[in-house]
């Protein structure tokens, strides 16, 4: 019988040679996401912006070596920052926001507002793993890949007693994360934009995790 301890076998660390496929998978996974649809409401502009954005994201988090992908041809990926480090330095964050504004073109104000919203509300009260992005191509969803990308880090978080934080961009995702021990700690939204849900997960005991 499949257990959560077996699920990470469906996922592996992404290497440099995987970056193009990671970007492609995340682009497809988030193309119809409500937050990204608000950030770039024009279909054609969003089609151009998302691959460039995810390429920036993969590059920005590469130093953490915590980007995971599915083993089935990289049809899903998750970008993590480990506990005990800032996801980006202040200087890198400013550069990242500036590059995002450039690629967003006429939608730059919305993109920068979202980035600022997430940065301003990121918790700093205790060390935690941070799940920045997780997406699986729609055609491959429902096969355990999202769970595997989660538990690639959640299992380690449980072993080390480390909390985990993320922002969910859709209500369906909130329910998914709740099933894996997260709870909503706040609802965030840019002016005129859709909600995002800040979610926190305390580490589970070994007994609970086995269940």
N, C-alpha and C. Protein backbone atom coordinates (compact mmCIF):
# COMPACT_ATOMS: atom_id res chain seq x y z
N UNK A 1 0.85 -1.20 0.00
CA UNK A 1 0.00 0.00 0.00
C UNK A 1 0.88 1.24 0.00
N UNK A 2 0.52 2.25 -0.81
CA UNK A 2 1.30 3.46 -0.89
C UNK A 2 1.14 4.28 0.37
N UNK A 3 2.22 4.76 0.94
CA UNK A 3 2.20 5.65 2.09
C UNK A 3 2.92 6.93 1.72
N UNK A 4 2.77 7.95 2.57
CA UNK A 4 3.45 9.20 2.27
C UNK A 4 4.96 9.02 2.28
N UNK A 5 5.47 8.03 3.02
CA UNK A 5 6.92 7.82 3.05
C UNK A 5 7.43 7.29 1.72
N UNK A 6 6.56 6.70 0.91
CA UNK A 6 6.96 6.19 -0.40
C UNK A 6 6.81 7.25 -1.49
N UNK A 7 6.02 8.26 -1.25
CA UNK A 7 5.72 9.23 -2.30
C UNK A 7 6.95 9.97 -2.83
N UNK A 8 7.94 10.34 -1.99
CA UNK A 8 9.10 11.04 -2.56
C UNK A 8 9.82 10.26 -3.64
N UNK A 9 9.59 8.95 -3.76
CA UNK A 9 10.20 8.19 -4.84
C UNK A 9 9.71 8.68 -6.20
N UNK A 10 8.57 9.35 -6.23
CA UNK A 10 8.06 9.93 -7.47
C UNK A 10 8.73 11.26 -7.80
N UNK A 11 9.57 11.76 -6.87
CA UNK A 11 10.22 13.06 -7.06
C UNK A 11 11.71 12.91 -6.85
N UNK A 12 12.45 13.84 -7.44
CA UNK A 12 13.91 13.86 -7.28
C UNK A 12 14.39 15.30 -7.33
N UNK A 13 15.61 15.52 -6.85
CA UNK A 13 16.21 16.83 -6.95
C UNK A 13 16.38 17.21 -8.42
N UNK A 14 16.04 18.43 -8.75
CA UNK A 14 16.23 18.91 -10.12
C UNK A 14 17.65 19.43 -10.29
N UNK A 15 18.27 19.03 -11.38
CA UNK A 15 19.61 19.51 -11.69
C UNK A 15 19.58 20.64 -12.72
N UNK A 16 20.74 21.14 -13.02
CA UNK A 16 20.83 22.25 -13.98
C UNK A 16 20.25 21.87 -15.33
N UNK A 17 20.44 20.63 -15.73
CA UNK A 17 19.94 20.18 -17.04
C UNK A 17 18.42 20.07 -17.07
N UNK A 18 17.79 20.10 -15.90
CA UNK A 18 16.33 20.00 -15.83
C UNK A 18 15.63 21.35 -15.90
N UNK A 19 16.37 22.44 -15.84
CA UNK A 19 15.75 23.75 -15.65
C UNK A 19 14.73 24.09 -16.73
N UNK A 20 15.05 23.80 -17.97
CA UNK A 20 14.11 24.12 -19.04
C UNK A 20 12.80 23.38 -18.89
N UNK A 21 12.87 22.11 -18.51
CA UNK A 21 11.65 21.32 -18.33
C UNK A 21 10.90 21.74 -17.06
N UNK A 22 11.62 22.13 -16.03
CA UNK A 22 10.96 22.66 -14.83
C UNK A 22 10.18 23.92 -15.18
N UNK A 23 10.80 24.82 -15.93
CA UNK A 23 10.13 26.06 -16.35
C UNK A 23 8.89 25.74 -17.17
N UNK A 24 9.01 24.81 -18.11
CA UNK A 24 7.86 24.45 -18.96
C UNK A 24 6.72 23.86 -18.14
N UNK A 25 7.06 22.99 -17.19
CA UNK A 25 6.01 22.37 -16.36
C UNK A 25 5.30 23.40 -15.50
N UNK A 26 6.07 24.30 -14.86
CA UNK A 26 5.45 25.32 -14.01
C UNK A 26 4.63 26.30 -14.84
N UNK A 27 5.10 26.63 -16.03
CA UNK A 27 4.34 27.53 -16.91
C UNK A 27 2.98 26.95 -17.22
N UNK A 28 2.93 25.68 -17.58
CA UNK A 28 1.64 25.06 -17.89
C UNK A 28 0.78 24.93 -16.64
N UNK A 29 1.40 24.58 -15.52
CA UNK A 29 0.65 24.38 -14.28
C UNK A 29 -0.03 25.66 -13.81
N UNK A 30 0.63 26.80 -13.99
CA UNK A 30 0.12 28.06 -13.44
C UNK A 30 -0.53 28.97 -14.48
N UNK A 31 -0.66 28.50 -15.71
CA UNK A 31 -1.17 29.38 -16.76
C UNK A 31 -2.58 29.89 -16.44
N UNK A 32 -3.43 29.04 -15.88
CA UNK A 32 -4.80 29.44 -15.55
C UNK A 32 -4.97 29.74 -14.07
N UNK A 33 -3.89 29.86 -13.34
CA UNK A 33 -3.95 30.17 -11.92
C UNK A 33 -4.56 31.56 -11.72
N UNK A 34 -5.49 31.72 -10.75
CA UNK A 34 -6.16 33.02 -10.60
C UNK A 34 -5.22 34.18 -10.30
N UNK A 35 -4.18 33.94 -9.54
CA UNK A 35 -3.25 35.03 -9.21
C UNK A 35 -2.46 35.46 -10.44
N UNK A 36 -1.96 34.50 -11.21
CA UNK A 36 -1.21 34.85 -12.40
C UNK A 36 -2.11 35.42 -13.49
N UNK A 37 -3.36 34.97 -13.53
CA UNK A 37 -4.31 35.55 -14.49
C UNK A 37 -4.60 37.01 -14.16
N UNK A 38 -4.63 37.33 -12.87
CA UNK A 38 -4.83 38.74 -12.48
C UNK A 38 -3.56 39.54 -12.76
N UNK A 39 -2.40 38.96 -12.49
CA UNK A 39 -1.14 39.68 -12.69
C UNK A 39 -0.92 40.02 -14.17
N UNK A 40 -1.28 39.08 -15.06
CA UNK A 40 -1.17 39.31 -16.51
C UNK A 40 -2.48 38.86 -17.15
N UNK A 41 -3.48 39.73 -17.16
CA UNK A 41 -4.81 39.31 -17.62
C UNK A 41 -4.92 39.02 -19.11
N UNK A 42 -4.04 39.60 -19.90
CA UNK A 42 -4.05 39.34 -21.33
C UNK A 42 -3.36 38.00 -21.60
N UNK A 43 -4.05 37.10 -22.31
CA UNK A 43 -3.53 35.75 -22.53
C UNK A 43 -2.16 35.76 -23.19
N UNK A 44 -2.01 36.57 -24.21
CA UNK A 44 -0.75 36.55 -24.95
C UNK A 44 0.40 37.10 -24.11
N UNK A 45 0.13 38.17 -23.34
CA UNK A 45 1.18 38.69 -22.47
C UNK A 45 1.55 37.68 -21.40
N UNK A 46 0.55 36.99 -20.85
CA UNK A 46 0.83 35.97 -19.84
C UNK A 46 1.62 34.81 -20.44
N UNK A 47 1.30 34.46 -21.67
CA UNK A 47 2.01 33.37 -22.34
C UNK A 47 3.49 33.71 -22.51
N UNK A 48 3.78 34.98 -22.70
CA UNK A 48 5.18 35.40 -22.83
C UNK A 48 5.85 35.58 -21.46
N UNK A 49 5.10 36.09 -20.49
CA UNK A 49 5.69 36.44 -19.20
C UNK A 49 6.01 35.24 -18.33
N UNK A 50 5.13 34.24 -18.32
CA UNK A 50 5.31 33.14 -17.36
C UNK A 50 6.61 32.36 -17.56
N UNK A 51 6.97 31.95 -18.78
CA UNK A 51 8.24 31.23 -18.91
C UNK A 51 9.44 32.07 -18.44
N UNK A 52 9.42 33.36 -18.74
CA UNK A 52 10.51 34.22 -18.30
C UNK A 52 10.53 34.34 -16.77
N UNK A 53 9.35 34.45 -16.17
CA UNK A 53 9.27 34.55 -14.71
C UNK A 53 9.78 33.28 -14.05
N UNK A 54 9.33 32.12 -14.50
CA UNK A 54 9.76 30.88 -13.87
C UNK A 54 11.24 30.62 -14.10
N UNK A 55 11.78 31.05 -15.23
CA UNK A 55 13.22 30.92 -15.45
C UNK A 55 13.98 31.77 -14.43
N UNK A 56 13.49 32.99 -14.16
CA UNK A 56 14.09 33.83 -13.13
C UNK A 56 14.00 33.17 -11.76
N UNK A 57 12.83 32.58 -11.46
CA UNK A 57 12.62 31.96 -10.16
C UNK A 57 13.56 30.77 -9.96
N UNK A 58 13.67 29.92 -10.97
CA UNK A 58 14.55 28.76 -10.87
C UNK A 58 15.99 29.20 -10.66
N UNK A 59 16.41 30.23 -11.39
CA UNK A 59 17.78 30.73 -11.24
C UNK A 59 17.99 31.35 -9.86
N UNK A 60 17.01 32.12 -9.39
CA UNK A 60 17.14 32.80 -8.10
C UNK A 60 17.26 31.82 -6.95
N UNK A 61 16.59 30.67 -7.04
CA UNK A 61 16.60 29.70 -5.94
C UNK A 61 17.61 28.57 -6.16
N UNK A 62 18.36 28.62 -7.25
CA UNK A 62 19.29 27.54 -7.56
C UNK A 62 20.32 27.34 -6.46
N UNK A 63 20.75 28.41 -5.82
CA UNK A 63 21.79 28.30 -4.80
C UNK A 63 21.33 27.48 -3.60
N UNK A 64 20.01 27.38 -3.39
CA UNK A 64 19.50 26.61 -2.26
C UNK A 64 19.53 25.10 -2.54
N UNK A 65 19.59 24.72 -3.80
CA UNK A 65 19.59 23.30 -4.20
C UNK A 65 18.41 22.56 -3.58
N UNK A 66 17.25 23.20 -3.60
CA UNK A 66 16.03 22.57 -3.07
C UNK A 66 14.88 22.67 -4.07
N UNK A 67 15.22 22.62 -5.35
CA UNK A 67 14.20 22.52 -6.38
C UNK A 67 14.03 21.04 -6.73
N UNK A 68 12.79 20.58 -6.65
CA UNK A 68 12.47 19.18 -6.88
C UNK A 68 11.59 19.05 -8.12
N UNK A 69 11.69 17.91 -8.78
CA UNK A 69 10.85 17.67 -9.96
C UNK A 69 10.36 16.24 -9.95
N UNK A 70 9.35 15.97 -10.74
CA UNK A 70 8.83 14.61 -10.85
C UNK A 70 9.77 13.78 -11.72
N UNK A 71 9.72 12.48 -11.53
CA UNK A 71 10.59 11.58 -12.28
C UNK A 71 10.02 11.21 -13.65
N UNK A 72 8.75 11.55 -13.89
CA UNK A 72 8.08 11.11 -15.12
C UNK A 72 8.27 12.12 -16.25
N UNK A 73 9.51 12.49 -16.52
CA UNK A 73 9.75 13.44 -17.59
C UNK A 73 9.60 14.89 -17.16
N UNK A 74 9.67 15.16 -15.88
CA UNK A 74 9.56 16.51 -15.30
C UNK A 74 8.23 17.15 -15.72
N UNK A 75 7.15 16.57 -15.25
CA UNK A 75 5.83 17.15 -15.51
C UNK A 75 5.32 17.96 -14.32
N UNK A 76 6.14 18.10 -13.31
CA UNK A 76 5.79 18.93 -12.15
C UNK A 76 7.06 19.28 -11.41
N UNK A 77 7.00 20.36 -10.62
CA UNK A 77 8.19 20.81 -9.90
C UNK A 77 7.79 21.64 -8.69
N UNK A 78 8.70 21.72 -7.74
CA UNK A 78 8.51 22.53 -6.55
C UNK A 78 9.80 23.27 -6.24
N UNK A 79 9.68 24.56 -5.93
CA UNK A 79 10.83 25.39 -5.61
C UNK A 79 10.78 25.72 -4.12
N UNK A 80 11.78 25.28 -3.39
CA UNK A 80 11.84 25.44 -1.94
C UNK A 80 13.05 26.30 -1.54
N UNK A 81 12.92 26.93 -0.38
CA UNK A 81 14.07 27.51 0.31
C UNK A 81 14.18 26.80 1.65
N UNK A 82 15.37 26.36 2.04
CA UNK A 82 15.51 25.60 3.28
C UNK A 82 15.41 26.49 4.51
N UNK A 83 15.21 25.85 5.64
CA UNK A 83 15.14 26.57 6.91
C UNK A 83 16.50 27.20 7.23
N UNK A 84 16.42 28.34 7.90
CA UNK A 84 17.64 28.97 8.39
C UNK A 84 18.30 29.94 7.43
N UNK A 85 17.72 30.13 6.23
CA UNK A 85 18.27 31.09 5.27
C UNK A 85 17.13 31.95 4.72
N UNK A 86 17.46 33.15 4.31
CA UNK A 86 16.48 33.99 3.63
C UNK A 86 16.30 33.46 2.21
N UNK A 87 15.06 33.41 1.70
CA UNK A 87 14.86 32.97 0.32
C UNK A 87 15.70 33.76 -0.67
N UNK A 88 15.78 35.09 -0.46
CA UNK A 88 16.65 35.97 -1.25
C UNK A 88 17.20 37.04 -0.33
N UNK A 89 18.41 37.49 -0.62
CA UNK A 89 18.93 38.65 0.09
C UNK A 89 18.14 39.89 -0.34
N UNK A 90 18.27 40.95 0.42
CA UNK A 90 17.54 42.18 0.07
C UNK A 90 17.95 42.67 -1.32
N UNK A 91 19.23 42.62 -1.60
CA UNK A 91 19.71 43.08 -2.91
C UNK A 91 19.20 42.18 -4.03
N UNK A 92 19.25 40.87 -3.81
CA UNK A 92 18.76 39.94 -4.83
C UNK A 92 17.26 40.10 -5.03
N UNK A 93 16.52 40.35 -3.93
CA UNK A 93 15.09 40.54 -4.03
C UNK A 93 14.73 41.77 -4.84
N UNK A 94 15.48 42.84 -4.64
CA UNK A 94 15.23 44.07 -5.41
C UNK A 94 15.53 43.84 -6.89
N UNK A 95 16.61 43.13 -7.15
CA UNK A 95 16.94 42.83 -8.55
C UNK A 95 15.88 41.94 -9.18
N UNK A 96 15.42 40.95 -8.43
CA UNK A 96 14.39 40.04 -8.93
C UNK A 96 13.12 40.81 -9.26
N UNK A 97 12.68 41.68 -8.35
CA UNK A 97 11.47 42.47 -8.59
C UNK A 97 11.63 43.35 -9.82
N UNK A 98 12.81 43.93 -10.00
CA UNK A 98 13.05 44.77 -11.16
C UNK A 98 12.99 43.99 -12.47
N UNK A 99 13.57 42.80 -12.47
CA UNK A 99 13.52 41.95 -13.66
C UNK A 99 12.09 41.49 -13.96
N UNK A 100 11.34 41.19 -12.90
CA UNK A 100 9.94 40.81 -13.10
C UNK A 100 9.14 41.96 -13.71
N UNK A 101 9.41 43.17 -13.26
CA UNK A 101 8.72 44.34 -13.80
C UNK A 101 9.04 44.50 -15.28
N UNK A 102 10.28 44.24 -15.66
CA UNK A 102 10.66 44.35 -17.08
C UNK A 102 9.92 43.32 -17.93
N UNK A 103 9.87 42.10 -17.47
CA UNK A 103 9.25 41.06 -18.29
C UNK A 103 7.72 41.20 -18.32
N UNK A 104 7.14 41.83 -17.27
CA UNK A 104 5.69 41.99 -17.20
C UNK A 104 5.18 43.09 -18.11
N UNK A 105 6.05 44.01 -18.52
CA UNK A 105 5.62 45.09 -19.43
C UNK A 105 4.50 45.93 -18.85
N UNK A 106 3.37 46.05 -19.57
CA UNK A 106 2.26 46.88 -19.09
C UNK A 106 1.66 46.42 -17.76
N UNK A 107 1.95 45.18 -17.36
CA UNK A 107 1.41 44.63 -16.11
C UNK A 107 2.40 44.75 -14.95
N UNK A 108 3.45 45.53 -15.13
CA UNK A 108 4.53 45.58 -14.14
C UNK A 108 4.03 45.96 -12.75
N UNK A 109 3.13 46.94 -12.67
CA UNK A 109 2.67 47.38 -11.36
C UNK A 109 2.01 46.25 -10.59
N UNK A 110 1.24 45.43 -11.28
CA UNK A 110 0.57 44.30 -10.61
C UNK A 110 1.59 43.27 -10.12
N UNK A 111 2.57 42.97 -10.94
CA UNK A 111 3.59 41.99 -10.55
C UNK A 111 4.38 42.48 -9.34
N UNK A 112 4.79 43.72 -9.37
CA UNK A 112 5.56 44.28 -8.26
C UNK A 112 4.71 44.33 -7.00
N UNK A 113 3.45 44.66 -7.14
CA UNK A 113 2.57 44.69 -5.98
C UNK A 113 2.46 43.31 -5.33
N UNK A 114 2.34 42.28 -6.14
CA UNK A 114 2.27 40.92 -5.61
C UNK A 114 3.57 40.52 -4.91
N UNK A 115 4.69 40.80 -5.53
CA UNK A 115 5.98 40.46 -4.93
C UNK A 115 6.15 41.18 -3.60
N UNK A 116 5.78 42.46 -3.56
CA UNK A 116 5.88 43.23 -2.32
C UNK A 116 4.94 42.68 -1.26
N UNK A 117 3.73 42.30 -1.66
CA UNK A 117 2.76 41.73 -0.72
C UNK A 117 3.32 40.47 -0.05
N UNK A 118 3.90 39.58 -0.84
CA UNK A 118 4.44 38.34 -0.28
C UNK A 118 5.64 38.62 0.62
N UNK A 119 6.49 39.52 0.19
CA UNK A 119 7.67 39.85 0.98
C UNK A 119 7.28 40.49 2.31
N UNK A 120 6.32 41.40 2.28
CA UNK A 120 5.92 42.11 3.51
C UNK A 120 5.25 41.19 4.52
N UNK A 121 4.65 40.11 4.05
CA UNK A 121 3.90 39.23 4.94
C UNK A 121 4.62 37.91 5.24
N UNK A 122 5.83 37.78 4.77
CA UNK A 122 6.58 36.55 5.03
C UNK A 122 6.95 36.48 6.50
N UNK A 123 6.71 35.35 7.16
CA UNK A 123 7.01 35.25 8.60
C UNK A 123 8.51 35.17 8.85
N UNK A 124 8.95 35.85 9.89
CA UNK A 124 10.36 35.84 10.28
C UNK A 124 10.54 35.46 11.74
N UNK A 125 9.47 34.94 12.37
CA UNK A 125 9.52 34.70 13.80
C UNK A 125 10.24 33.41 14.16
N UNK A 126 10.41 32.50 13.22
CA UNK A 126 11.12 31.25 13.49
C UNK A 126 11.61 30.65 12.19
N UNK A 127 12.67 29.85 12.29
CA UNK A 127 13.19 29.20 11.09
C UNK A 127 12.15 28.24 10.52
N UNK A 128 12.10 28.16 9.19
CA UNK A 128 11.12 27.29 8.54
C UNK A 128 11.54 27.03 7.10
N UNK A 129 11.12 25.89 6.58
CA UNK A 129 11.22 25.65 5.14
C UNK A 129 10.14 26.50 4.46
N UNK A 130 10.46 26.99 3.27
CA UNK A 130 9.52 27.83 2.52
C UNK A 130 9.26 27.21 1.16
N UNK A 131 8.02 26.83 0.92
CA UNK A 131 7.61 26.35 -0.40
C UNK A 131 7.15 27.53 -1.21
N UNK A 132 7.97 27.95 -2.17
CA UNK A 132 7.62 29.15 -2.93
C UNK A 132 6.66 28.84 -4.06
N UNK A 133 6.90 27.74 -4.76
CA UNK A 133 6.05 27.37 -5.88
C UNK A 133 5.99 25.86 -5.99
N UNK A 134 4.82 25.34 -6.28
CA UNK A 134 4.65 23.92 -6.59
C UNK A 134 3.57 23.81 -7.65
N UNK A 135 3.88 23.13 -8.74
CA UNK A 135 2.89 22.96 -9.80
C UNK A 135 3.12 21.68 -10.57
N UNK A 136 2.02 21.08 -11.02
CA UNK A 136 2.04 19.87 -11.85
C UNK A 136 1.19 20.15 -13.08
N UNK A 137 1.67 19.73 -14.23
CA UNK A 137 0.89 19.92 -15.45
C UNK A 137 -0.53 19.37 -15.25
N UNK A 138 -1.56 20.08 -15.71
CA UNK A 138 -2.94 19.61 -15.50
C UNK A 138 -3.18 18.17 -15.93
N UNK A 139 -2.57 17.75 -17.03
CA UNK A 139 -2.80 16.40 -17.52
C UNK A 139 -2.21 15.32 -16.63
N UNK A 140 -1.32 15.71 -15.69
CA UNK A 140 -0.66 14.74 -14.81
C UNK A 140 -1.09 14.87 -13.35
N UNK A 141 -2.07 15.74 -13.11
CA UNK A 141 -2.53 15.93 -11.74
C UNK A 141 -3.37 14.73 -11.29
N UNK A 142 -3.47 14.55 -9.99
CA UNK A 142 -4.26 13.47 -9.44
C UNK A 142 -3.55 12.13 -9.42
N UNK A 143 -2.24 12.11 -9.62
CA UNK A 143 -1.48 10.86 -9.66
C UNK A 143 -0.44 10.78 -8.55
N UNK A 144 -0.53 11.67 -7.58
CA UNK A 144 0.38 11.63 -6.44
C UNK A 144 1.64 12.45 -6.60
N UNK A 145 1.80 13.13 -7.74
CA UNK A 145 3.03 13.89 -7.97
C UNK A 145 3.11 15.11 -7.06
N UNK A 146 2.01 15.81 -6.87
CA UNK A 146 2.02 16.95 -5.96
C UNK A 146 2.38 16.54 -4.54
N UNK A 147 1.81 15.44 -4.09
CA UNK A 147 2.12 14.92 -2.75
C UNK A 147 3.61 14.56 -2.64
N UNK A 148 4.13 13.96 -3.69
CA UNK A 148 5.55 13.58 -3.66
C UNK A 148 6.45 14.81 -3.59
N UNK A 149 6.12 15.85 -4.35
CA UNK A 149 6.92 17.07 -4.33
C UNK A 149 6.84 17.75 -2.97
N UNK A 150 5.69 17.61 -2.30
CA UNK A 150 5.54 18.14 -0.94
C UNK A 150 6.39 17.34 0.05
N UNK A 151 6.20 16.03 0.03
CA UNK A 151 6.82 15.20 1.06
C UNK A 151 8.31 15.00 0.85
N UNK A 152 8.83 15.37 -0.30
CA UNK A 152 10.28 15.38 -0.47
C UNK A 152 10.94 16.25 0.59
N UNK A 153 10.23 17.29 1.04
CA UNK A 153 10.75 18.17 2.09
C UNK A 153 9.98 18.00 3.39
N UNK A 154 8.66 17.75 3.33
CA UNK A 154 7.88 17.61 4.55
C UNK A 154 8.39 16.47 5.43
N UNK A 155 8.79 15.37 4.83
CA UNK A 155 9.29 14.25 5.62
C UNK A 155 10.55 14.66 6.39
N UNK A 156 11.42 15.40 5.74
CA UNK A 156 12.62 15.88 6.42
C UNK A 156 12.25 16.89 7.51
N UNK A 157 11.25 17.74 7.23
CA UNK A 157 10.81 18.71 8.22
C UNK A 157 10.28 18.00 9.47
N UNK A 158 9.57 16.91 9.28
CA UNK A 158 9.07 16.14 10.42
C UNK A 158 10.21 15.51 11.20
N UNK A 159 11.21 15.01 10.50
CA UNK A 159 12.34 14.37 11.19
C UNK A 159 13.12 15.37 12.02
N UNK A 160 13.25 16.60 11.50
CA UNK A 160 14.07 17.60 12.18
C UNK A 160 13.26 18.54 13.06
N UNK A 161 11.92 18.38 13.06
CA UNK A 161 11.08 19.24 13.88
C UNK A 161 11.01 20.67 13.38
N UNK A 162 10.96 20.84 12.06
CA UNK A 162 11.01 22.17 11.44
C UNK A 162 9.67 22.54 10.82
N UNK A 163 9.15 23.73 11.11
CA UNK A 163 7.90 24.17 10.47
C UNK A 163 8.09 24.45 8.98
N UNK A 164 6.97 24.59 8.28
CA UNK A 164 6.97 24.87 6.84
C UNK A 164 5.95 25.96 6.56
N UNK A 165 6.27 26.84 5.62
CA UNK A 165 5.38 27.95 5.25
C UNK A 165 5.21 27.99 3.74
N UNK A 166 4.01 28.42 3.31
CA UNK A 166 3.75 28.61 1.89
C UNK A 166 2.61 29.61 1.71
N UNK A 167 2.41 30.05 0.47
CA UNK A 167 1.22 30.83 0.11
C UNK A 167 0.48 30.08 -0.99
N UNK A 168 -0.77 29.74 -0.73
CA UNK A 168 -1.60 29.05 -1.72
C UNK A 168 -2.32 30.08 -2.58
N UNK A 169 -2.40 29.81 -3.88
CA UNK A 169 -2.98 30.78 -4.80
C UNK A 169 -4.38 30.41 -5.27
N UNK A 170 -4.93 29.29 -4.77
CA UNK A 170 -6.28 28.88 -5.16
C UNK A 170 -6.89 28.07 -4.02
N UNK A 171 -8.22 28.14 -3.90
CA UNK A 171 -8.88 27.45 -2.80
C UNK A 171 -8.70 25.94 -2.88
N UNK A 172 -8.67 25.37 -4.08
CA UNK A 172 -8.43 23.93 -4.21
C UNK A 172 -7.08 23.56 -3.62
N UNK A 173 -6.09 24.43 -3.81
CA UNK A 173 -4.77 24.17 -3.26
C UNK A 173 -4.78 24.26 -1.74
N UNK A 174 -5.58 25.18 -1.20
CA UNK A 174 -5.70 25.28 0.25
C UNK A 174 -6.15 23.95 0.83
N UNK A 175 -7.16 23.36 0.23
CA UNK A 175 -7.66 22.07 0.73
C UNK A 175 -6.61 20.98 0.61
N UNK A 176 -5.86 20.99 -0.48
CA UNK A 176 -4.79 20.02 -0.64
C UNK A 176 -3.77 20.15 0.49
N UNK A 177 -3.32 21.37 0.73
CA UNK A 177 -2.30 21.57 1.75
C UNK A 177 -2.84 21.28 3.15
N UNK A 178 -4.09 21.57 3.38
CA UNK A 178 -4.67 21.25 4.69
C UNK A 178 -4.62 19.75 4.96
N UNK A 179 -4.79 18.96 3.92
CA UNK A 179 -4.72 17.50 4.09
C UNK A 179 -3.33 17.04 4.49
N UNK A 180 -2.34 17.89 4.28
CA UNK A 180 -0.97 17.53 4.61
C UNK A 180 -0.45 18.29 5.82
N UNK A 181 -1.38 18.81 6.62
CA UNK A 181 -1.00 19.37 7.90
C UNK A 181 -0.85 20.88 7.97
N UNK A 182 -1.10 21.59 6.87
CA UNK A 182 -1.02 23.05 6.89
C UNK A 182 -2.32 23.65 7.42
N UNK A 183 -2.21 24.84 7.97
CA UNK A 183 -3.40 25.59 8.38
C UNK A 183 -3.26 27.03 7.87
N UNK A 184 -4.38 27.62 7.54
CA UNK A 184 -4.38 28.99 7.06
C UNK A 184 -4.11 29.94 8.22
N UNK A 185 -3.15 30.83 8.04
CA UNK A 185 -2.83 31.82 9.07
C UNK A 185 -3.20 33.24 8.65
N UNK A 186 -3.58 33.42 7.40
CA UNK A 186 -3.97 34.75 6.95
C UNK A 186 -4.38 34.74 5.49
N UNK A 187 -5.21 35.70 5.12
CA UNK A 187 -5.63 35.86 3.73
C UNK A 187 -5.03 37.15 3.20
N UNK A 188 -4.31 37.05 2.09
CA UNK A 188 -3.60 38.18 1.50
C UNK A 188 -4.20 38.51 0.14
N UNK A 189 -4.14 39.77 -0.25
CA UNK A 189 -4.61 40.15 -1.58
C UNK A 189 -4.04 41.50 -1.96
N UNK A 190 -3.58 41.61 -3.19
CA UNK A 190 -3.25 42.92 -3.75
C UNK A 190 -4.55 43.68 -4.00
N UNK A 191 -4.46 44.98 -4.09
CA UNK A 191 -5.65 45.80 -4.32
C UNK A 191 -6.31 45.39 -5.63
N UNK A 192 -7.56 44.92 -5.54
CA UNK A 192 -8.28 44.49 -6.72
C UNK A 192 -7.93 43.10 -7.20
N UNK A 193 -7.03 42.42 -6.48
CA UNK A 193 -6.59 41.10 -6.91
C UNK A 193 -7.25 39.97 -6.13
N UNK A 194 -7.05 38.74 -6.56
CA UNK A 194 -7.62 37.58 -5.88
C UNK A 194 -6.86 37.28 -4.59
N UNK A 195 -7.45 36.46 -3.77
CA UNK A 195 -6.84 36.11 -2.49
C UNK A 195 -5.69 35.12 -2.67
N UNK A 196 -4.73 35.23 -1.78
CA UNK A 196 -3.73 34.20 -1.53
C UNK A 196 -3.86 33.85 -0.06
N UNK A 197 -3.54 32.61 0.28
CA UNK A 197 -3.69 32.18 1.66
C UNK A 197 -2.33 31.80 2.23
N UNK A 198 -1.90 32.53 3.26
CA UNK A 198 -0.68 32.18 3.98
C UNK A 198 -0.98 30.93 4.80
N UNK A 199 -0.09 29.93 4.72
CA UNK A 199 -0.33 28.67 5.40
C UNK A 199 0.94 28.22 6.13
N UNK A 200 0.74 27.68 7.32
CA UNK A 200 1.83 27.28 8.20
C UNK A 200 1.62 25.83 8.61
N UNK A 201 2.69 25.09 8.70
CA UNK A 201 2.62 23.68 9.11
C UNK A 201 3.63 23.41 10.21
N UNK A 202 3.15 23.00 11.37
CA UNK A 202 4.03 22.53 12.42
C UNK A 202 4.45 21.10 12.10
N UNK A 203 5.65 20.71 12.49
CA UNK A 203 6.10 19.34 12.19
C UNK A 203 5.22 18.31 12.89
N UNK A 204 4.98 17.22 12.22
CA UNK A 204 4.19 16.13 12.77
C UNK A 204 5.10 15.13 13.47
N UNK A 205 4.56 14.48 14.46
CA UNK A 205 5.30 13.43 15.13
C UNK A 205 5.40 12.23 14.21
N UNK A 206 6.33 11.32 14.50
CA UNK A 206 6.50 10.14 13.66
C UNK A 206 5.22 9.30 13.64
N UNK A 207 4.52 9.24 14.76
CA UNK A 207 3.31 8.42 14.82
C UNK A 207 2.22 8.98 13.92
N UNK A 208 2.04 10.31 13.96
CA UNK A 208 1.05 10.94 13.10
C UNK A 208 1.45 10.79 11.66
N UNK A 209 2.73 10.98 11.36
CA UNK A 209 3.21 10.91 9.98
C UNK A 209 2.99 9.52 9.39
N UNK A 210 3.20 8.49 10.18
CA UNK A 210 2.96 7.14 9.66
C UNK A 210 1.49 6.92 9.35
N UNK A 211 0.61 7.62 10.07
CA UNK A 211 -0.82 7.47 9.82
C UNK A 211 -1.27 8.16 8.58
